[in-house]
Amino acid sequence: MLGTLTVRLRNTGDRPGREVVQVYLAAPAGEDPAVGRPARVLAGFLSVELAAGAVTQARIALARRAAQIWDPSEGDWRTLAGTYTAEVARSVADRRLTVPVAVNG
């Protein structure tokens, strides 16, 4: 696990609601394209139910695998250090917040 990300959620509706909060990890700026990984990887998600008007803090665990690539020479996963961007979203097409995340190798 890379750590956790805490997000404040509020149900602004007049009925109970449910949201799946997703966190994507985008590769560090300037990363060598030869690494061959996607622009962003799903690093964690959490389903949250809230009563009408309620507020909560959602704690989402970030998977270390989101910052790793397969290294065929070692036959294992290798963590790539750098400053990634965590993107908090409703879906990959609806990213709402970003925050830098430092990852050590």
PDB file of N, CA and C in Angstrom:
ATOM      1  N   MET A   1       0.840  -1.177   0.000  1.00  0.00           N
ATOM      2  CA  MET A   1       0.000   0.000   0.000  1.00  0.00           C
ATOM      3  C   MET A   1       0.891   1.249   0.000  1.00  0.00           C
ATOM      4  N   LEU A   2       0.505   2.223  -0.816  1.00  0.00           N
ATOM      5  CA  LEU A   2       1.246   3.490  -0.871  1.00  0.00           C
ATOM      6  C   LEU A   2       0.861   4.413   0.271  1.00  0.00           C
ATOM      7  N   GLY A   3      -0.311   4.242   0.820  1.00  0.00           N
ATOM      8  CA  GLY A   3      -0.838   5.118   1.861  1.00  0.00           C
ATOM      9  C   GLY A   3      -2.329   5.279   1.665  1.00  0.00           C
ATOM     10  N   THR A   4      -2.889   6.264   2.320  1.00  0.00           N
ATOM     11  CA  THR A   4      -4.316   6.536   2.172  1.00  0.00           C
ATOM     12  C   THR A   4      -4.533   7.982   1.770  1.00  0.00           C
ATOM     13  N   LEU A   5      -5.640   8.196   1.099  1.00  0.00           N
ATOM     14  CA  LEU A   5      -6.053   9.528   0.683  1.00  0.00           C
ATOM     15  C   LEU A   5      -7.400   9.785   1.337  1.00  0.00           C
ATOM     16  N   THR A   6      -7.547  10.920   2.004  1.00  0.00           N
ATOM     17  CA  THR A   6      -8.807  11.254   2.660  1.00  0.00           C
ATOM     18  C   THR A   6      -9.525  12.325   1.855  1.00  0.00           C
ATOM     19  N   VAL A   7     -10.798  12.059   1.555  1.00  0.00           N
ATOM     20  CA  VAL A   7     -11.617  12.958   0.748  1.00  0.00           C
ATOM     21  C   VAL A   7     -12.892  13.273   1.513  1.00  0.00           C
ATOM     22  N   ARG A   8     -13.233  14.559   1.563  1.00  0.00           N
ATOM     23  CA  ARG A   8     -14.472  14.983   2.227  1.00  0.00           C
ATOM     24  C   ARG A   8     -15.612  14.926   1.216  1.00  0.00           C
ATOM     25  N   LEU A   9     -16.690  14.237   1.599  1.00  0.00           N
ATOM     26  CA  LEU A   9     -17.861  14.087   0.735  1.00  0.00           C
ATOM     27  C   LEU A   9     -19.090  14.681   1.411  1.00  0.00           C
ATOM     28  N   ARG A  10     -19.953  15.269   0.591  1.00  0.00           N
ATOM     29  CA  ARG A  10     -21.210  15.828   1.105  1.00  0.00           C
ATOM     30  C   ARG A  10     -22.330  15.423   0.150  1.00  0.00           C
ATOM     31  N   ASN A  11     -23.418  14.936   0.727  1.00  0.00           N
ATOM     32  CA  ASN A  11     -24.612  14.649  -0.066  1.00  0.00           C
ATOM     33  C   ASN A  11     -25.444  15.928  -0.094  1.00  0.00           C
ATOM     34  N   THR A  12     -25.474  16.597  -1.230  1.00  0.00           N
ATOM     35  CA  THR A  12     -26.202  17.862  -1.345  1.00  0.00           C
ATOM     36  C   THR A  12     -27.665  17.645  -1.726  1.00  0.00           C
ATOM     37  N   GLY A  13     -28.048  16.394  -1.922  1.00  0.00           N
ATOM     38  CA  GLY A  13     -29.426  16.089  -2.307  1.00  0.00           C
ATOM     39  C   GLY A  13     -30.364  15.995  -1.113  1.00  0.00           C
ATOM     40  N   ASP A  14     -31.639  15.765  -1.412  1.00  0.00           N
ATOM     41  CA  ASP A  14     -32.653  15.638  -0.360  1.00  0.00           C
ATOM     42  C   ASP A  14     -33.046  14.185  -0.121  1.00  0.00           C
ATOM     43  N   ARG A  15     -32.249  13.257  -0.682  1.00  0.00           N
ATOM     44  CA  ARG A  15     -32.471  11.826  -0.463  1.00  0.00           C
ATOM     45  C   ARG A  15     -31.142  11.163  -0.135  1.00  0.00           C
ATOM     46  N   PRO A  16     -31.193   9.999   0.504  1.00  0.00           N
ATOM     47  CA  PRO A  16     -29.946   9.258   0.733  1.00  0.00           C
ATOM     48  C   PRO A  16     -29.289   8.959  -0.613  1.00  0.00           C
ATOM     49  N   GLY A  17     -27.963   8.883  -0.607  1.00  0.00           N
ATOM     50  CA  GLY A  17     -27.253   8.628  -1.858  1.00  0.00           C
ATOM     51  C   GLY A  17     -26.055   7.731  -1.664  1.00  0.00           C
ATOM     52  N   ARG A  18     -25.530   7.264  -2.789  1.00  0.00           N
ATOM     53  CA  ARG A  18     -24.359   6.393  -2.784  1.00  0.00           C
ATOM     54  C   ARG A  18     -23.417   6.872  -3.885  1.00  0.00           C
ATOM     55  N   GLU A  19     -22.144   6.894  -3.571  1.00  0.00           N
ATOM     56  CA  GLU A  19     -21.123   7.313  -4.536  1.00  0.00           C
ATOM     57  C   GLU A  19     -19.944   6.352  -4.446  1.00  0.00           C
ATOM     58  N   VAL A  20     -19.379   6.000  -5.588  1.00  0.00           N
ATOM     59  CA  VAL A  20     -18.147   5.228  -5.611  1.00  0.00           C
ATOM     60  C   VAL A  20     -17.036   6.217  -5.938  1.00  0.00           C
ATOM     61  N   VAL A  21     -16.200   6.494  -4.944  1.00  0.00           N
ATOM     62  CA  VAL A  21     -15.089   7.425  -5.115  1.00  0.00           C
ATOM     63  C   VAL A  21     -13.908   6.627  -5.645  1.00  0.00           C
ATOM     64  N   GLN A  22     -13.357   7.095  -6.760  1.00  0.00           N
ATOM     65  CA  GLN A  22     -12.233   6.413  -7.394  1.00  0.00           C
ATOM     66  C   GLN A  22     -11.003   7.311  -7.342  1.00  0.00           C
ATOM     67  N   VAL A  23      -9.835   6.702  -7.181  1.00  0.00           N
ATOM     68  CA  VAL A  23      -8.581   7.453  -7.206  1.00  0.00           C
ATOM     69  C   VAL A  23      -7.680   6.817  -8.257  1.00  0.00           C
ATOM     70  N   TYR A  24      -7.265   7.645  -9.206  1.00  0.00           N
ATOM     71  CA  TYR A  24      -6.349   7.225 -10.262  1.00  0.00           C
ATOM     72  C   TYR A  24      -4.979   7.821  -9.981  1.00  0.00           C
ATOM     73  N   LEU A  25      -3.952   7.082 -10.312  1.00  0.00           N
ATOM     74  CA  LEU A  25      -2.586   7.563 -10.153  1.00  0.00           C
ATOM     75  C   LEU A  25      -2.010   7.803 -11.545  1.00  0.00           C
ATOM     76  N   ALA A  26      -1.683   9.075 -11.823  1.00  0.00           N
ATOM     77  CA  ALA A  26      -1.079   9.446 -13.102  1.00  0.00           C
ATOM     78  C   ALA A  26       0.437   9.451 -12.945  1.00  0.00           C
ATOM     79  N   ALA A  27       1.108   8.974 -13.975  1.00  0.00           N
ATOM     80  CA  ALA A  27       2.564   8.862 -13.946  1.00  0.00           C
ATOM     81  C   ALA A  27       3.223  10.223 -13.761  1.00  0.00           C
ATOM     82  N   PRO A  28       4.422  10.241 -13.189  1.00  0.00           N
ATOM     83  CA  PRO A  28       5.151  11.497 -13.019  1.00  0.00           C
ATOM     84  C   PRO A  28       5.377  12.204 -14.358  1.00  0.00           C
ATOM     85  N   ALA A  29       5.336  13.524 -14.338  1.00  0.00           N
ATOM     86  CA  ALA A  29       5.594  14.314 -15.542  1.00  0.00           C
ATOM     87  C   ALA A  29       7.000  14.011 -16.047  1.00  0.00           C
ATOM     88  N   GLY A  30       7.135  13.898 -17.337  1.00  0.00           N
ATOM     89  CA  GLY A  30       8.443  13.670 -17.929  1.00  0.00           C
ATOM     90  C   GLY A  30       8.922  12.235 -17.876  1.00  0.00           C
ATOM     91  N   GLU A  31       8.052  11.317 -17.457  1.00  0.00           N
ATOM     92  CA  GLU A  31       8.471   9.913 -17.410  1.00  0.00           C
ATOM     93  C   GLU A  31       8.786   9.414 -18.819  1.00  0.00           C
ATOM     94  N   ASP A  32       9.802   8.602 -18.922  1.00  0.00           N
ATOM     95  CA  ASP A  32      10.224   8.036 -20.202  1.00  0.00           C
ATOM     96  C   ASP A  32       9.077   7.195 -20.786  1.00  0.00           C
ATOM     97  N   PRO A  33       8.604   7.521 -22.007  1.00  0.00           N
ATOM     98  CA  PRO A  33       7.516   6.758 -22.619  1.00  0.00           C
ATOM     99  C   PRO A  33       7.865   5.288 -22.838  1.00  0.00           C
ATOM    100  N   ALA A  34       9.149   4.965 -22.850  1.00  0.00           N
ATOM    101  CA  ALA A  34       9.569   3.580 -23.038  1.00  0.00           C
ATOM    102  C   ALA A  34       9.116   2.682 -21.885  1.00  0.00           C
ATOM    103  N   VAL A  35       8.730   3.298 -20.758  1.00  0.00           N
ATOM    104  CA  VAL A  35       8.236   2.509 -19.626  1.00  0.00           C
ATOM    105  C   VAL A  35       7.002   1.730 -20.067  1.00  0.00           C
ATOM    106  N   GLY A  36       6.200   2.330 -20.952  1.00  0.00           N
ATOM    107  CA  GLY A  36       5.081   1.614 -21.557  1.00  0.00           C
ATOM    108  C   GLY A  36       3.899   1.356 -20.652  1.00  0.00           C
ATOM    109  N   ARG A  37       3.564   2.295 -19.815  1.00  0.00           N
ATOM    110  CA  ARG A  37       2.370   2.083 -18.991  1.00  0.00           C
ATOM    111  C   ARG A  37       1.306   3.102 -19.357  1.00  0.00           C
ATOM    112  N   PRO A  38       0.066   2.867 -18.943  1.00  0.00           N
ATOM    113  CA  PRO A  38      -1.015   3.799 -19.279  1.00  0.00           C
ATOM    114  C   PRO A  38      -0.830   5.155 -18.602  1.00  0.00           C
ATOM    115  N   ALA A  39      -1.543   6.152 -19.095  1.00  0.00           N
ATOM    116  CA  ALA A  39      -1.449   7.509 -18.545  1.00  0.00           C
ATOM    117  C   ALA A  39      -1.893   7.562 -17.092  1.00  0.00           C
ATOM    118  N   ARG A  40      -2.849   6.733 -16.721  1.00  0.00           N
ATOM    119  CA  ARG A  40      -3.315   6.672 -15.332  1.00  0.00           C
ATOM    120  C   ARG A  40      -3.777   5.254 -15.015  1.00  0.00           C
ATOM    121  N   VAL A  41      -3.677   4.909 -13.729  1.00  0.00           N
ATOM    122  CA  VAL A  41      -4.033   3.574 -13.254  1.00  0.00           C
ATOM    123  C   VAL A  41      -4.946   3.726 -12.047  1.00  0.00           C
ATOM    124  N   LEU A  42      -6.001   2.900 -11.992  1.00  0.00           N
ATOM    125  CA  LEU A  42      -6.883   2.918 -10.826  1.00  0.00           C
ATOM    126  C   LEU A  42      -6.085   2.445  -9.616  1.00  0.00           C
ATOM    127  N   ALA A  43      -5.956   3.309  -8.611  1.00  0.00           N
ATOM    128  CA  ALA A  43      -5.137   3.000  -7.431  1.00  0.00           C
ATOM    129  C   ALA A  43      -5.989   2.626  -6.221  1.00  0.00           C
ATOM    130  N   GLY A  44      -7.262   2.990  -6.235  1.00  0.00           N
ATOM    131  CA  GLY A  44      -8.134   2.664  -5.116  1.00  0.00           C
ATOM    132  C   GLY A  44      -9.535   3.179  -5.356  1.00  0.00           C
ATOM    133  N   PHE A  45     -10.487   2.627  -4.607  1.00  0.00           N
ATOM    134  CA  PHE A  45     -11.867   3.081  -4.699  1.00  0.00           C
ATOM    135  C   PHE A  45     -12.598   2.724  -3.415  1.00  0.00           C
ATOM    136  N   LEU A  46     -13.703   3.414  -3.183  1.00  0.00           N
ATOM    137  CA  LEU A  46     -14.490   3.186  -1.974  1.00  0.00           C
ATOM    138  C   LEU A  46     -15.930   3.563  -2.259  1.00  0.00           C
ATOM    139  N   SER A  47     -16.857   2.691  -1.893  1.00  0.00           N
ATOM    140  CA  SER A  47     -18.277   2.979  -2.012  1.00  0.00           C
ATOM    141  C   SER A  47     -18.750   3.637  -0.712  1.00  0.00           C
ATOM    142  N   VAL A  48     -19.423   4.781  -0.850  1.00  0.00           N
ATOM    143  CA  VAL A  48     -19.853   5.549   0.318  1.00  0.00           C
ATOM    144  C   VAL A  48     -21.352   5.805   0.220  1.00  0.00           C
ATOM    145  N   GLU A  49     -22.073   5.533   1.306  1.00  0.00           N
ATOM    146  CA  GLU A  49     -23.499   5.859   1.382  1.00  0.00           C
ATOM    147  C   GLU A  49     -23.672   6.977   2.391  1.00  0.00           C
ATOM    148  N   LEU A  50     -24.489   7.978   2.013  1.00  0.00           N
ATOM    149  CA  LEU A  50     -24.710   9.136   2.878  1.00  0.00           C
ATOM    150  C   LEU A  50     -26.185   9.489   2.934  1.00  0.00           C
ATOM    151  N   ALA A  51     -26.638   9.873   4.121  1.00  0.00           N
ATOM    152  CA  ALA A  51     -27.988  10.386   4.273  1.00  0.00           C
ATOM    153  C   ALA A  51     -28.067  11.769   3.628  1.00  0.00           C
ATOM    154  N   ALA A  52     -29.257  12.208   3.345  1.00  0.00           N
ATOM    155  CA  ALA A  52     -29.453  13.537   2.755  1.00  0.00           C
ATOM    156  C   ALA A  52     -28.787  14.605   3.626  1.00  0.00           C
ATOM    157  N   GLY A  53     -27.971  15.454   3.004  1.00  0.00           N
ATOM    158  CA  GLY A  53     -27.300  16.542   3.719  1.00  0.00           C
ATOM    159  C   GLY A  53     -26.111  16.142   4.565  1.00  0.00           C
ATOM    160  N   ALA A  54     -25.798  14.861   4.622  1.00  0.00           N
ATOM    161  CA  ALA A  54     -24.703  14.392   5.485  1.00  0.00           C
ATOM    162  C   ALA A  54     -23.336  14.662   4.858  1.00  0.00           C
ATOM    163  N   VAL A  55     -22.329  14.728   5.736  1.00  0.00           N
ATOM    164  CA  VAL A  55     -20.936  14.927   5.332  1.00  0.00           C
ATOM    165  C   VAL A  55     -20.103  13.826   5.977  1.00  0.00           C
ATOM    166  N   THR A  56     -19.093  13.333   5.253  1.00  0.00           N
ATOM    167  CA  THR A  56     -18.214  12.311   5.813  1.00  0.00           C
ATOM    168  C   THR A  56     -16.811  12.466   5.240  1.00  0.00           C
ATOM    169  N   GLN A  57     -15.874  11.801   5.864  1.00  0.00           N
ATOM    170  CA  GLN A  57     -14.494  11.725   5.385  1.00  0.00           C
ATOM    171  C   GLN A  57     -14.285  10.298   4.873  1.00  0.00           C
ATOM    172  N   ALA A  58     -14.004  10.157   3.595  1.00  0.00           N
ATOM    173  CA  ALA A  58     -13.742   8.847   3.005  1.00  0.00           C
ATOM    174  C   ALA A  58     -12.235   8.632   2.964  1.00  0.00           C
ATOM    175  N   ARG A  59     -11.771   7.517   3.507  1.00  0.00           N
ATOM    176  CA  ARG A  59     -10.339   7.174   3.488  1.00  0.00           C
ATOM    177  C   ARG A  59     -10.142   6.048   2.481  1.00  0.00           C
ATOM    178  N   ILE A  60      -9.385   6.349   1.427  1.00  0.00           N
ATOM    179  CA  ILE A  60      -9.200   5.402   0.331  1.00  0.00           C
ATOM    180  C   ILE A  60      -7.755   4.925   0.326  1.00  0.00           C
ATOM    181  N   ALA A  61      -7.570   3.620   0.437  1.00  0.00           N
ATOM    182  CA  ALA A  61      -6.227   3.022   0.402  1.00  0.00           C
ATOM    183  C   ALA A  61      -5.722   3.029  -1.035  1.00  0.00           C
ATOM    184  N   LEU A  62      -4.473   3.446  -1.220  1.00  0.00           N
ATOM    185  CA  LEU A  62      -3.849   3.483  -2.542  1.00  0.00           C
ATOM    186  C   LEU A  62      -2.950   2.271  -2.715  1.00  0.00           C
ATOM    187  N   ALA A  63      -3.219   1.482  -3.734  1.00  0.00           N
ATOM    188  CA  ALA A  63      -2.465   0.251  -3.988  1.00  0.00           C
ATOM    189  C   ALA A  63      -1.080   0.563  -4.547  1.00  0.00           C
ATOM    190  N   ARG A  64      -0.063  -0.062  -3.984  1.00  0.00           N
ATOM    191  CA  ARG A  64       1.310   0.113  -4.457  1.00  0.00           C
ATOM    192  C   ARG A  64       1.431  -0.318  -5.927  1.00  0.00           C
ATOM    193  N   ARG A  65       0.671  -1.301  -6.335  1.00  0.00           N
ATOM    194  CA  ARG A  65       0.761  -1.815  -7.707  1.00  0.00           C
ATOM    195  C   ARG A  65       0.510  -0.713  -8.739  1.00  0.00           C
ATOM    196  N   ALA A  66      -0.226   0.341  -8.368  1.00  0.00           N
ATOM    197  CA  ALA A  66      -0.505   1.440  -9.304  1.00  0.00           C
ATOM    198  C   ALA A  66       0.768   2.194  -9.703  1.00  0.00           C
ATOM    199  N   ALA A  67       1.836   2.043  -8.925  1.00  0.00           N
ATOM    200  CA  ALA A  67       3.106   2.723  -9.215  1.00  0.00           C
ATOM    201  C   ALA A  67       4.184   1.720  -9.626  1.00  0.00           C
ATOM    202  N   GLN A  68       3.755   0.541 -10.060  1.00  0.00           N
ATOM    203  CA  GLN A  68       4.720  -0.505 -10.410  1.00  0.00           C
ATOM    204  C   GLN A  68       4.602  -0.911 -11.874  1.00  0.00           C
ATOM    205  N   ILE A  69       5.710  -1.434 -12.397  1.00  0.00           N
ATOM    206  CA  ILE A  69       5.727  -2.046 -13.720  1.00  0.00           C
ATOM    207  C   ILE A  69       6.363  -3.426 -13.582  1.00  0.00           C
ATOM    208  N   TRP A  70       6.047  -4.290 -14.529  1.00  0.00           N
ATOM    209  CA  TRP A  70       6.654  -5.609 -14.543  1.00  0.00           C
ATOM    210  C   TRP A  70       8.057  -5.498 -15.124  1.00  0.00           C
ATOM    211  N   ASP A  71       9.025  -6.026 -14.400  1.00  0.00           N
ATOM    212  CA  ASP A  71      10.412  -6.009 -14.845  1.00  0.00           C
ATOM    213  C   ASP A  71      10.786  -7.431 -15.261  1.00  0.00           C
ATOM    214  N   PRO A  72      10.798  -7.718 -16.570  1.00  0.00           N
ATOM    215  CA  PRO A  72      11.072  -9.088 -17.013  1.00  0.00           C
ATOM    216  C   PRO A  72      12.469  -9.577 -16.657  1.00  0.00           C
ATOM    217  N   SER A  73      13.442  -8.657 -16.530  1.00  0.00           N
ATOM    218  CA  SER A  73      14.798  -9.092 -16.183  1.00  0.00           C
ATOM    219  C   SER A  73      14.874  -9.597 -14.745  1.00  0.00           C
ATOM    220  N   GLU A  74      13.999  -9.061 -13.879  1.00  0.00           N
ATOM    221  CA  GLU A  74      13.972  -9.515 -12.486  1.00  0.00           C
ATOM    222  C   GLU A  74      12.869 -10.534 -12.236  1.00  0.00           C
ATOM    223  N   GLY A  75      11.915 -10.626 -13.178  1.00  0.00           N
ATOM    224  CA  GLY A  75      10.789 -11.540 -12.996  1.00  0.00           C
ATOM    225  C   GLY A  75       9.894 -11.122 -11.848  1.00  0.00           C
ATOM    226  N   ASP A  76       9.774  -9.802 -11.646  1.00  0.00           N
ATOM    227  CA  ASP A  76       8.993  -9.292 -10.513  1.00  0.00           C
ATOM    228  C   ASP A  76       8.518  -7.865 -10.817  1.00  0.00           C
ATOM    229  N   TRP A  77       7.624  -7.381  -9.987  1.00  0.00           N
ATOM    230  CA  TRP A  77       7.138  -6.011 -10.096  1.00  0.00           C
ATOM    231  C   TRP A  77       8.163  -5.054  -9.492  1.00  0.00           C
ATOM    232  N   ARG A  78       8.340  -3.896 -10.137  1.00  0.00           N
ATOM    233  CA  ARG A  78       9.288  -2.891  -9.658  1.00  0.00           C
ATOM    234  C   ARG A  78       8.552  -1.564  -9.475  1.00  0.00           C
ATOM    235  N   THR A  79       8.715  -0.967  -8.295  1.00  0.00           N
ATOM    236  CA  THR A  79       8.095   0.325  -8.002  1.00  0.00           C
ATOM    237  C   THR A  79       8.945   1.427  -8.616  1.00  0.00           C
ATOM    238  N   LEU A  80       8.291   2.322  -9.351  1.00  0.00           N
ATOM    239  CA  LEU A  80       8.984   3.452  -9.966  1.00  0.00           C
ATOM    240  C   LEU A  80       8.776   4.679  -9.088  1.00  0.00           C
ATOM    241  N   ALA A  81       9.860   5.174  -8.523  1.00  0.00           N
ATOM    242  CA  ALA A  81       9.794   6.333  -7.632  1.00  0.00           C
ATOM    243  C   ALA A  81       9.488   7.596  -8.431  1.00  0.00           C
ATOM    244  N   GLY A  82       8.901   8.572  -7.742  1.00  0.00           N
ATOM    245  CA  GLY A  82       8.620   9.859  -8.367  1.00  0.00           C
ATOM    246  C   GLY A  82       7.426  10.525  -7.722  1.00  0.00           C
ATOM    247  N   THR A  83       7.092  11.702  -8.216  1.00  0.00           N
ATOM    248  CA  THR A  83       5.912  12.408  -7.730  1.00  0.00           C
ATOM    249  C   THR A  83       4.785  12.194  -8.724  1.00  0.00           C
ATOM    250  N   TYR A  84       3.845  11.375  -8.321  1.00  0.00           N
ATOM    251  CA  TYR A  84       2.678  11.050  -9.128  1.00  0.00           C
ATOM    252  C   TYR A  84       1.569  12.065  -8.843  1.00  0.00           C
ATOM    253  N   THR A  85       0.529  12.029  -9.645  1.00  0.00           N
ATOM    254  CA  THR A  85      -0.654  12.847  -9.391  1.00  0.00           C
ATOM    255  C   THR A  85      -1.813  11.917  -9.099  1.00  0.00           C
ATOM    256  N   ALA A  86      -2.389  12.047  -7.899  1.00  0.00           N
ATOM    257  CA  ALA A  86      -3.596  11.299  -7.549  1.00  0.00           C
ATOM    258  C   ALA A  86      -4.787  12.116  -8.031  1.00  0.00           C
ATOM    259  N   GLU A  87      -5.671  11.475  -8.788  1.00  0.00           N
ATOM    260  CA  GLU A  87      -6.856  12.124  -9.340  1.00  0.00           C
ATOM    261  C   GLU A  87      -8.091  11.483  -8.721  1.00  0.00           C
ATOM    262  N   VAL A  88      -8.838  12.263  -7.942  1.00  0.00           N
ATOM    263  CA  VAL A  88     -10.052  11.774  -7.291  1.00  0.00           C
ATOM    264  C   VAL A  88     -11.196  11.967  -8.273  1.00  0.00           C
ATOM    265  N   ALA A  89     -12.002  10.906  -8.465  1.00  0.00           N
ATOM    266  CA  ALA A  89     -12.975  10.932  -9.549  1.00  0.00           C
ATOM    267  C   ALA A  89     -14.256  10.181  -9.228  1.00  0.00           C
ATOM    268  N   ARG A  90     -15.272  10.497 -10.028  1.00  0.00           N
ATOM    269  CA  ARG A  90     -16.498   9.694 -10.060  1.00  0.00           C
ATOM    270  C   ARG A  90     -16.325   8.582 -11.089  1.00  0.00           C
ATOM    271  N   SER A  91     -15.515   8.871 -12.116  1.00  0.00           N
ATOM    272  CA  SER A  91     -15.155   7.906 -13.159  1.00  0.00           C
ATOM    273  C   SER A  91     -13.883   8.429 -13.810  1.00  0.00           C
ATOM    274  N   VAL A  92     -13.277   7.636 -14.664  1.00  0.00           N
ATOM    275  CA  VAL A  92     -12.046   8.075 -15.317  1.00  0.00           C
ATOM    276  C   VAL A  92     -12.307   9.299 -16.202  1.00  0.00           C
ATOM    277  N   ALA A  93     -13.536   9.451 -16.672  1.00  0.00           N
ATOM    278  CA  ALA A  93     -13.882  10.603 -17.510  1.00  0.00           C
ATOM    279  C   ALA A  93     -14.341  11.807 -16.694  1.00  0.00           C
ATOM    280  N   ASP A  94     -14.505  11.637 -15.392  1.00  0.00           N
ATOM    281  CA  ASP A  94     -15.028  12.717 -14.532  1.00  0.00           C
ATOM    282  C   ASP A  94     -14.134  12.877 -13.308  1.00  0.00           C
ATOM    283  N   ARG A  95     -12.900  13.321 -13.564  1.00  0.00           N
ATOM    284  CA  ARG A  95     -11.936  13.524 -12.489  1.00  0.00           C
ATOM    285  C   ARG A  95     -12.151  14.912 -11.904  1.00  0.00           C
ATOM    286  N   ARG A  96     -12.236  15.006 -10.551  1.00  0.00           N
ATOM    287  CA  ARG A  96     -12.626  16.238  -9.889  1.00  0.00           C
ATOM    288  C   ARG A  96     -11.508  16.955  -9.128  1.00  0.00           C
ATOM    289  N   LEU A  97     -10.637  16.206  -8.484  1.00  0.00           N
ATOM    290  CA  LEU A  97      -9.581  16.782  -7.636  1.00  0.00           C
ATOM    291  C   LEU A  97      -8.248  16.128  -7.960  1.00  0.00           C
ATOM    292  N   THR A  98      -7.164  16.881  -7.774  1.00  0.00           N
ATOM    293  CA  THR A  98      -5.833  16.284  -7.946  1.00  0.00           C
ATOM    294  C   THR A  98      -4.954  16.693  -6.758  1.00  0.00           C
ATOM    295  N   VAL A  99      -4.013  15.802  -6.443  1.00  0.00           N
ATOM    296  CA  VAL A  99      -3.073  16.057  -5.364  1.00  0.00           C
ATOM    297  C   VAL A  99      -1.786  15.284  -5.681  1.00  0.00           C
ATOM    298  N   PRO A 100      -0.608  15.890  -5.429  1.00  0.00           N
ATOM    299  CA  PRO A 100       0.636  15.158  -5.671  1.00  0.00           C
ATOM    300  C   PRO A 100       0.854  14.078  -4.612  1.00  0.00           C
ATOM    301  N   VAL A 101       1.437  12.979  -5.057  1.00  0.00           N
ATOM    302  CA  VAL A 101       1.735  11.857  -4.161  1.00  0.00           C
ATOM    303  C   VAL A 101       3.178  11.420  -4.429  1.00  0.00           C
ATOM    304  N   ALA A 102       4.027  11.517  -3.399  1.00  0.00           N
ATOM    305  CA  ALA A 102       5.415  11.087  -3.532  1.00  0.00           C
ATOM    306  C   ALA A 102       5.505   9.578  -3.316  1.00  0.00           C
ATOM    307  N   VAL A 103       6.169   8.909  -4.243  1.00  0.00           N
ATOM    308  CA  VAL A 103       6.343   7.454  -4.154  1.00  0.00           C
ATOM    309  C   VAL A 103       7.837   7.166  -4.117  1.00  0.00           C
ATOM    310  N   ASN A 104       8.250   6.388  -3.118  1.00  0.00           N
ATOM    311  CA  ASN A 104       9.641   5.958  -3.006  1.00  0.00           C
ATOM    312  C   ASN A 104       9.781   4.595  -3.653  1.00  0.00           C
ATOM    313  N   GLY A 105      10.930   4.344  -4.275  1.00  0.00           N
ATOM    314  CA  GLY A 105      11.180   3.080  -4.981  1.00  0.00           C
ATOM    315  C   GLY A 105      11.328   1.903  -4.091  1.00  0.00           C
TER     316      GLY A 105
END
